Amino acid sequence: MSKRITILGSTGSIGTSTLDLVSMRPDRFEIHALIAGRNVDLLARQALAHRPKIVGISDTALAPQLQSALANTGITVIAGQTECDLIAGDPVDLVVAGIVGLAGLPSVMKAAEAGNRIALANKESLVSAGQLVCETAAKHNARLLPLDSEHSAIFQCWTGWRSHQDDVAGDQDLHDISHICLTASGGPFRERPLEEFSAITPAEAVKHPNWSMGQKISVDSATMMNKGLEVIEAAWLFGMDQSQIEVVIHPQVAIHGLVYFNDGSIISQLGTADMKTPISYALAWPERLDWRPEPLSLTQLGRFDFWDVDPARYPCFYLARQALVEGGAKPAVLNAANEIAVAAFLDSRIKFTQIAEIVSATLEHDFNGNVSDLATVLELDHNARAIAKRLIAATNG
């Protein structure tokens, strides 16, 4: 039987890659729902190609255009953020959570409350509300499958080690494991002189040397905030202390993750820089999907390089690690401030080097609140964003 899939963020890079895989194997998958934000033209084309039961767009002003494009197709069209979030709770075989930023948290929560299996690309949900998401998933027997290439690598190494694949993401026995290692590309500025960082432009920052991604995540890769967020995400996904999560820069991006065992053995996962590989694993899990990818050629690579993460070059990475150590509200504040700072940089309102400065200054404020309920997480996020915006306005003033 084919798997029924809901895709949240279908017009983004994760969503389009998922649909590419679905198109390759229509015998394995069918689309239940497609949800997007504002790209109504692409969403309509996707709906006509895949014929889901439901299509949702969060921007209500675009609903008439979408309804017109899908007239007489029998596809139900919904609009508005709240309505779109609710679709994640429809019972399906897999919900692909590809919405960028904390905007994806409510739909992830709906999917978890429904007991759905969730292919999670929205790392911000676990960064800002890791305890809430994981406890909700456990309560309702939902399953979190990582879509980030690095977390998928750890997951694949992990399930290869364990004799029964269901015991992952939340209930692991760690006595055999020393630590794990996530690799990072280092972004487009891994060798640029530090004295030139203040002149980095948004156009330069979004040109990732290895991956094809959206603007926000590309900037996060350039600052390595993305890797810091992934460390926080890994702590929740795999139930590990931050001291057990190592990160190294690996420019070839062939090795995506490694698991170190106490007997000295290391299991790693290798693959090309193509997001379809981790997506395909989540789609077919616990099996693997034969989609005929271009294989990784070790002889063409020729060498593997590994570097330590330089604090002077990547201060955002260390801000994220410190937020994980401090815990409580800090990771949520970190994520909120970073989203505002990156948006300001992309709008050319602050310099590249000021992203870390804005995040650091926001983290210095006192934030209270129990991050174990959704309303408090969202309020905390709102307050941190307001502070970051004031800091940016003061910088420009």
Protein backbone atom coordinates (compact mmCIF):
# COMPACT_ATOMS: atom_id res chain seq x y z
CA MET A 1 0.00 0.00 0.00
CA SER A 2 1.17 3.54 -0.73
CA LYS A 3 1.95 5.95 2.09
CA ARG A 4 -0.25 9.02 2.50
CA ILE A 5 1.76 12.19 3.02
CA THR A 6 1.06 15.74 4.15
CA ILE A 7 3.73 18.30 3.24
CA LEU A 8 3.97 21.46 5.32
CA GLY A 9 5.95 24.05 3.37
CA SER A 10 5.52 22.33 0.01
CA THR A 11 6.93 25.23 -2.05
CA GLY A 12 10.21 25.43 -0.10
CA SER A 13 13.36 23.46 -0.80
CA ILE A 14 12.35 20.54 1.47
CA GLY A 15 8.86 20.41 0.03
CA THR A 16 9.91 20.53 -3.61
CA SER A 17 12.59 17.88 -3.06
CA THR A 18 10.02 15.65 -1.36
CA LEU A 19 7.64 16.03 -4.27
CA ASP A 20 10.45 15.21 -6.70
CA LEU A 21 10.91 11.89 -4.88
CA VAL A 22 7.18 11.24 -4.81
CA SER A 23 7.09 11.82 -8.58
CA MET A 24 9.83 9.22 -9.05
CA ARG A 25 7.93 6.60 -7.06
CA PRO A 26 4.18 7.21 -7.48
CA ASP A 27 3.64 3.55 -6.62
CA ARG A 28 4.93 4.19 -3.09
CA PHE A 29 3.34 7.51 -2.12
CA GLU A 30 0.21 9.62 -2.44
CA ILE A 31 -0.27 13.22 -1.31
CA HIS A 32 -3.00 13.95 1.19
CA ALA A 33 -2.34 17.68 1.67
CA LEU A 34 0.00 20.44 0.52
CA ILE A 35 0.45 23.53 2.69
CA ALA A 36 2.39 26.68 1.68
CA GLY A 37 2.78 30.29 2.72
CA ARG A 38 2.60 32.71 -0.21
CA ASN A 39 3.92 31.05 -3.39
CA VAL A 40 0.46 30.51 -4.82
CA ASP A 41 1.57 29.87 -8.41
CA LEU A 42 3.92 27.03 -7.50
CA LEU A 43 1.43 25.61 -5.00
CA ALA A 44 -1.24 25.48 -7.69
CA ARG A 45 1.11 23.70 -10.10
CA GLN A 46 2.03 21.18 -7.40
CA ALA A 47 -1.63 20.54 -6.64
CA LEU A 48 -2.49 19.96 -10.30
CA ALA A 49 0.44 17.57 -10.65
CA HIS A 50 -0.14 15.53 -7.47
CA ARG A 51 -3.88 15.89 -6.89
CA PRO A 52 -3.99 16.06 -3.09
CA LYS A 53 -7.27 16.06 -1.24
CA ILE A 54 -6.50 19.37 0.45
CA VAL A 55 -4.39 22.43 -0.44
CA GLY A 56 -3.80 25.22 2.05
CA ILE A 57 -2.25 28.66 1.83
CA SER A 58 -1.53 30.65 4.97
CA ASP A 59 -1.96 34.07 3.31
CA THR A 60 -5.74 34.47 3.12
CA ALA A 61 -5.45 37.25 0.52
CA LEU A 62 -4.20 34.67 -1.98
CA ALA A 63 -7.05 32.22 -1.43
CA PRO A 64 -9.21 33.48 -4.34
CA GLN A 65 -6.32 33.07 -6.77
CA LEU A 66 -5.68 29.53 -5.54
CA GLN A 67 -9.37 28.63 -5.70
CA SER A 68 -9.55 29.91 -9.25
CA ALA A 69 -6.49 27.90 -10.31
CA LEU A 70 -7.95 24.71 -8.81
CA ALA A 71 -11.57 25.21 -9.84
CA ASN A 72 -13.39 22.02 -10.88
CA THR A 73 -10.57 19.76 -9.67
CA GLY A 74 -12.34 18.47 -6.57
CA ILE A 75 -9.43 19.65 -4.42
CA THR A 76 -10.46 21.35 -1.17
CA VAL A 77 -8.82 24.76 -0.71
CA ILE A 78 -8.31 26.24 2.76
CA ALA A 79 -6.67 29.49 3.83
CA GLY A 80 -5.27 31.10 6.95
CA GLN A 81 -2.49 30.05 9.29
CA THR A 82 -4.77 28.46 11.87
CA GLU A 83 -6.65 26.37 9.30
CA CYS A 84 -3.41 25.27 7.69
CA ASP A 85 -1.93 24.24 11.03
CA LEU A 86 -4.95 22.06 11.75
CA ILE A 87 -4.33 20.00 8.60
CA ALA A 88 -1.15 18.64 10.20
CA GLY A 89 -3.43 16.76 12.58
CA ASP A 90 -5.16 14.79 9.83
CA PRO A 91 -4.25 11.09 10.21
CA VAL A 92 -1.65 10.19 7.57
CA ASP A 93 1.39 7.94 7.31
CA LEU A 94 3.87 10.84 7.33
CA VAL A 95 3.84 14.60 7.90
CA VAL A 96 6.80 16.39 6.32
CA ALA A 97 7.44 19.47 8.48
CA GLY A 98 9.33 21.80 6.15
CA ILE A 99 8.11 25.23 7.28
CA VAL A 100 11.05 27.48 8.15
CA GLY A 101 11.28 29.17 11.55
CA LEU A 102 9.07 29.09 14.63
CA ALA A 103 6.07 29.57 12.34
CA GLY A 104 6.23 25.81 11.89
CA LEU A 105 5.84 24.97 15.59
CA PRO A 106 2.00 24.99 15.87
CA SER A 107 1.63 22.58 12.94
CA VAL A 108 4.35 20.30 14.36
CA MET A 109 2.42 20.26 17.63
CA LYS A 110 -0.83 19.36 15.83
CA ALA A 111 0.92 16.50 14.05
CA ALA A 112 2.41 15.25 17.32
CA GLU A 113 -0.92 15.46 19.15
CA ALA A 114 -2.46 13.37 16.38
CA GLY A 115 0.18 10.67 16.84
CA ASN A 116 1.48 11.14 13.32
CA ARG A 117 4.95 10.18 12.16
CA ILE A 118 6.79 13.47 11.55
CA ALA A 119 9.70 13.98 9.16
CA LEU A 120 11.17 17.03 10.86
CA ALA A 121 13.10 19.66 8.92
CA ASN A 122 11.83 22.46 11.15
CA LYS A 123 14.69 22.50 13.65
CA GLU A 124 13.38 25.67 15.29
CA SER A 125 10.53 23.68 16.84
CA LEU A 126 12.98 21.58 18.85
CA VAL A 127 15.28 24.53 19.55
CA SER A 128 12.54 26.69 21.05
CA ALA A 129 10.24 24.00 22.42
CA GLY A 130 12.20 20.75 22.54
CA GLN A 131 10.74 19.58 25.84
CA LEU A 132 7.19 20.38 24.75
CA VAL A 133 7.49 18.70 21.35
CA CYS A 134 9.22 15.57 22.65
CA GLU A 135 6.85 15.12 25.59
CA THR A 136 3.83 15.59 23.32
CA ALA A 137 5.21 13.11 20.78
CA ALA A 138 5.85 10.54 23.50
CA LYS A 139 2.40 11.02 25.03
CA HIS A 140 0.62 10.44 21.71
CA ASN A 141 3.01 7.82 20.29
CA ALA A 142 4.13 10.13 17.51
CA ARG A 143 7.52 9.49 15.90
CA LEU A 144 10.11 12.14 15.03
CA LEU A 145 12.27 11.32 12.01
CA PRO A 146 15.06 13.85 11.32
CA LEU A 147 15.36 15.42 7.87
CA ASP A 148 18.52 17.45 8.36
CA SER A 149 21.34 15.60 6.62
CA GLU A 150 23.45 15.53 9.79
CA HIS A 151 20.69 14.30 12.09
CA SER A 152 19.60 11.78 9.51
CA ALA A 153 23.20 10.55 9.41
CA ILE A 154 23.23 10.02 13.18
CA PHE A 155 19.81 8.38 12.97
CA GLN A 156 21.00 6.00 10.25
CA CYS A 157 24.13 5.08 12.20
CA TRP A 158 21.99 4.65 15.31
CA THR A 159 19.39 2.39 13.74
CA GLY A 160 22.16 0.37 12.12
CA TRP A 161 23.57 -0.28 15.57
CA ARG A 162 20.33 -1.14 17.32
CA SER A 163 18.70 -4.52 16.82
CA HIS A 164 15.17 -3.06 16.82
CA GLN A 165 14.56 0.14 14.89
CA ASP A 166 11.57 1.43 16.81
CA ASP A 167 13.65 2.40 19.83
CA VAL A 168 14.99 5.68 18.47
CA ALA A 169 14.49 9.39 19.06
CA GLY A 170 13.70 9.57 22.72
CA ASP A 171 14.20 6.22 24.45
CA GLN A 172 17.73 5.14 23.60
CA ASP A 173 20.11 3.12 25.70
CA LEU A 174 23.32 5.15 25.61
CA HIS A 175 25.67 2.96 27.61
CA ASP A 176 27.60 1.86 24.49
CA ILE A 177 28.00 5.36 23.02
CA SER A 178 30.70 7.88 23.87
CA HIS A 179 29.50 10.80 21.74
CA ILE A 180 28.27 11.86 18.32
CA CYS A 181 29.72 14.25 15.76
CA LEU A 182 27.89 16.52 13.33
CA THR A 183 29.82 17.85 10.36
CA ALA A 184 29.54 21.36 8.94
CA SER A 185 30.54 22.82 5.60
CA GLY A 186 31.79 26.03 7.20
CA GLY A 187 29.72 28.08 4.77
CA PRO A 188 30.93 30.42 2.03
CA PHE A 189 33.32 32.37 4.27
CA ARG A 190 35.30 29.56 5.85
CA GLU A 191 38.55 30.94 4.39
CA ARG A 192 37.76 34.64 4.02
CA PRO A 193 39.99 36.95 6.13
CA LEU A 194 38.19 38.01 9.31
CA GLU A 195 38.92 41.69 8.67
CA GLU A 196 36.67 41.48 5.59
CA PHE A 197 33.62 40.11 7.42
CA SER A 198 31.99 43.49 8.04
CA ALA A 199 31.80 44.04 4.27
CA ILE A 200 29.99 40.74 3.53
CA THR A 201 26.82 41.37 1.52
CA PRO A 202 23.52 39.44 1.61
CA ALA A 203 24.09 38.32 -1.98
CA GLU A 204 27.40 36.73 -0.94
CA ALA A 205 25.97 35.14 2.20
CA VAL A 206 23.18 33.26 0.40
CA LYS A 207 25.58 31.56 -2.04
CA HIS A 208 26.30 28.33 -0.22
CA PRO A 209 29.29 26.42 -1.62
CA ASN A 210 27.68 22.97 -1.30
CA TRP A 211 23.94 23.02 -0.68
CA SER A 212 20.99 24.64 -2.45
CA MET A 213 18.87 26.21 0.32
CA GLY A 214 16.64 29.15 1.13
CA GLN A 215 18.00 32.57 2.06
CA LYS A 216 17.55 32.38 5.83
CA ILE A 217 19.13 28.97 6.27
CA SER A 218 21.96 29.95 3.90
CA VAL A 219 22.83 32.92 6.11
CA ASP A 220 22.60 30.65 9.16
CA SER A 221 25.07 28.33 7.48
CA ALA A 222 27.43 31.25 6.81
CA THR A 223 27.37 32.24 10.50
CA MET A 224 27.20 28.58 11.59
CA MET A 225 24.19 29.45 13.73
CA ASN A 226 22.53 26.68 11.76
CA LYS A 227 24.98 24.16 13.18
CA GLY A 228 24.46 25.55 16.66
CA LEU A 229 20.72 25.08 16.28
CA GLU A 230 21.40 21.54 15.08
CA VAL A 231 23.38 20.82 18.25
CA ILE A 232 20.35 21.85 20.31
CA GLU A 233 18.08 19.77 18.07
CA ALA A 234 20.37 16.74 18.40
CA ALA A 235 20.29 17.00 22.18
CA TRP A 236 16.51 16.54 22.08
CA LEU A 237 16.33 14.03 19.23
CA PHE A 238 18.91 11.68 20.70
CA GLY A 239 18.62 12.40 24.41
CA MET A 240 22.26 13.46 24.72
CA ASP A 241 24.08 15.98 26.86
CA GLN A 242 25.64 18.87 24.97
CA SER A 243 29.10 17.64 26.00
CA GLN A 244 28.43 14.49 23.95
CA ILE A 245 27.76 16.42 20.73
CA GLU A 246 30.86 17.36 18.76
CA VAL A 247 31.01 19.49 15.59
CA VAL A 248 33.80 19.66 13.02
CA ILE A 249 34.07 21.56 9.76
CA HIS A 250 34.31 19.18 6.82
CA PRO A 251 34.53 21.17 3.55
CA GLN A 252 33.87 18.17 1.30
CA VAL A 253 30.50 17.52 3.04
CA ALA A 254 30.75 13.83 2.21
CA ILE A 255 30.62 12.58 5.80
CA HIS A 256 27.46 13.91 7.42
CA GLY A 257 27.57 12.42 10.90
CA LEU A 258 29.47 9.97 13.09
CA VAL A 259 28.65 7.92 16.19
CA TYR A 260 31.56 7.13 18.53
CA PHE A 261 31.34 3.99 20.65
CA ASN A 262 33.08 3.29 23.92
CA ASP A 263 35.04 0.41 22.41
CA GLY A 264 36.80 2.81 20.01
CA SER A 265 34.62 2.03 16.99
CA ILE A 266 33.13 4.81 14.87
CA ILE A 267 30.16 4.41 12.53
CA SER A 268 29.63 7.20 9.99
CA GLN A 269 27.21 7.94 7.16
CA LEU A 270 28.46 9.28 3.82
CA GLY A 271 26.57 10.65 0.85
CA THR A 272 26.41 13.41 -1.73
CA ALA A 273 25.30 16.95 -0.88
CA ASP A 274 21.72 16.25 -1.94
CA MET A 275 18.85 16.69 0.48
CA LYS A 276 16.88 14.04 -1.35
CA THR A 277 19.01 11.38 0.37
CA PRO A 278 17.90 12.12 3.96
CA ILE A 279 14.39 12.92 2.76
CA SER A 280 14.17 9.56 0.97
CA TYR A 281 15.26 7.76 4.13
CA ALA A 282 12.50 9.42 6.16
CA LEU A 283 9.91 8.73 3.45
CA ALA A 284 10.68 5.01 3.25
CA TRP A 285 11.78 4.32 6.85
CA PRO A 286 12.35 1.69 8.10
CA GLU A 287 13.14 0.70 4.51
CA ARG A 288 15.25 2.56 1.95
CA LEU A 289 14.01 4.17 -1.26
CA ASP A 290 15.70 3.33 -4.55
CA TRP A 291 15.53 6.64 -6.42
CA ARG A 292 18.68 6.10 -8.49
CA PRO A 293 20.80 8.96 -7.12
CA GLU A 294 24.25 9.84 -8.41
CA PRO A 295 26.61 7.83 -6.17
CA LEU A 296 29.33 9.47 -4.10
CA SER A 297 32.73 8.99 -5.74
CA LEU A 298 35.51 8.70 -3.19
CA THR A 299 38.20 8.77 -5.88
CA GLN A 300 36.88 12.06 -7.26
CA LEU A 301 36.89 13.55 -3.77
CA GLY A 302 40.42 12.35 -3.20
CA ARG A 303 40.69 13.63 0.36
CA PHE A 304 38.75 14.43 3.53
CA ASP A 305 39.58 17.54 5.56
CA PHE A 306 38.42 18.36 9.09
CA TRP A 307 38.81 21.65 10.97
CA ASP A 308 37.89 22.87 14.42
CA VAL A 309 35.17 25.52 14.66
CA ASP A 310 36.92 28.89 15.15
CA PRO A 311 35.14 31.04 17.79
CA ALA A 312 36.34 34.26 16.14
CA ARG A 313 34.93 33.25 12.76
CA TYR A 314 31.70 31.66 14.04
CA PRO A 315 30.54 33.41 17.24
CA CYS A 316 26.91 32.48 16.53
CA PHE A 317 27.74 28.80 16.85
CA TYR A 318 29.11 29.31 20.35
CA LEU A 319 26.14 31.46 21.36
CA ALA A 320 23.92 28.50 20.49
CA ARG A 321 26.05 26.06 22.46
CA GLN A 322 25.96 28.36 25.47
CA ALA A 323 22.18 28.70 25.19
CA LEU A 324 21.89 24.92 25.33
CA VAL A 325 24.09 24.81 28.44
CA GLU A 326 21.99 27.48 30.19
CA GLY A 327 18.74 25.89 29.05
CA GLY A 328 15.33 27.18 30.06
CA ALA A 329 14.22 30.06 27.89
CA LYS A 330 17.64 30.71 26.36
CA PRO A 331 17.36 28.50 23.24
CA ALA A 332 13.98 30.04 22.36
CA VAL A 333 15.38 33.54 22.83
CA LEU A 334 18.40 32.65 20.72
CA ASN A 335 16.22 31.41 17.88
CA ALA A 336 13.90 34.42 17.95
CA ALA A 337 16.72 36.97 18.03
CA ASN A 338 18.54 35.19 15.23
CA GLU A 339 15.49 35.18 12.96
CA ILE A 340 15.09 38.93 13.43
CA ALA A 341 18.80 39.65 13.00
CA VAL A 342 19.09 37.56 9.84
CA ALA A 343 16.03 39.28 8.35
CA ALA A 344 17.61 42.66 9.11
CA PHE A 345 20.87 41.60 7.48
CA LEU A 346 19.05 40.35 4.36
CA ASP A 347 17.34 43.76 4.21
CA SER A 348 20.78 45.43 4.50
CA ARG A 349 19.82 47.10 7.80
CA ILE A 350 22.72 45.59 9.75
CA LYS A 351 26.12 44.19 8.87
CA PHE A 352 26.93 40.50 8.76
CA THR A 353 29.03 40.80 11.92
CA GLN A 354 26.15 42.43 13.77
CA ILE A 355 23.99 39.30 13.58
CA ALA A 356 25.95 37.75 16.45
CA GLU A 357 26.00 41.07 18.32
CA ILE A 358 22.20 41.40 18.20
CA VAL A 359 21.67 37.80 19.30
CA SER A 360 24.18 38.13 22.14
CA ALA A 361 22.66 41.39 23.38
CA THR A 362 19.15 39.87 23.31
CA LEU A 363 20.31 36.87 25.33
CA GLU A 364 21.60 39.20 28.03
CA HIS A 365 18.03 40.23 28.93
CA ASP A 366 16.14 38.38 31.63
CA PHE A 367 13.42 36.07 30.36
CA ASN A 368 11.10 34.11 32.60
CA GLY A 369 8.63 31.44 31.65
CA ASN A 370 8.03 27.73 31.51
CA VAL A 371 8.80 26.58 27.96
CA SER A 372 6.74 23.42 28.43
CA ASP A 373 3.51 24.95 27.10
CA LEU A 374 2.89 26.41 23.64
CA ALA A 375 1.40 29.74 24.72
CA THR A 376 4.41 30.59 26.86
CA VAL A 377 6.85 29.58 24.11
CA LEU A 378 5.07 31.85 21.63
CA GLU A 379 4.93 34.73 24.11
CA LEU A 380 8.60 34.30 24.90
CA ASP A 381 9.40 34.28 21.20
CA HIS A 382 7.36 37.46 20.69
CA ASN A 383 9.12 39.30 23.51
CA ALA A 384 12.58 38.26 22.34
CA ARG A 385 11.81 39.44 18.81
CA ALA A 386 10.65 42.79 20.15
CA ILE A 387 13.91 43.26 22.05
CA ALA A 388 15.98 42.28 19.01
CA LYS A 389 14.06 44.76 16.86
CA ARG A 390 14.72 47.55 19.37
CA LEU A 391 18.41 46.70 19.39
CA ILE A 392 18.53 46.83 15.60
CA ALA A 393 16.69 50.16 15.56
CA ALA A 394 19.14 51.57 18.09
CA THR A 395 22.04 50.32 15.97
CA ASN A 396 20.66 52.06 12.91
CA GLY A 397 19.84 55.18 14.91
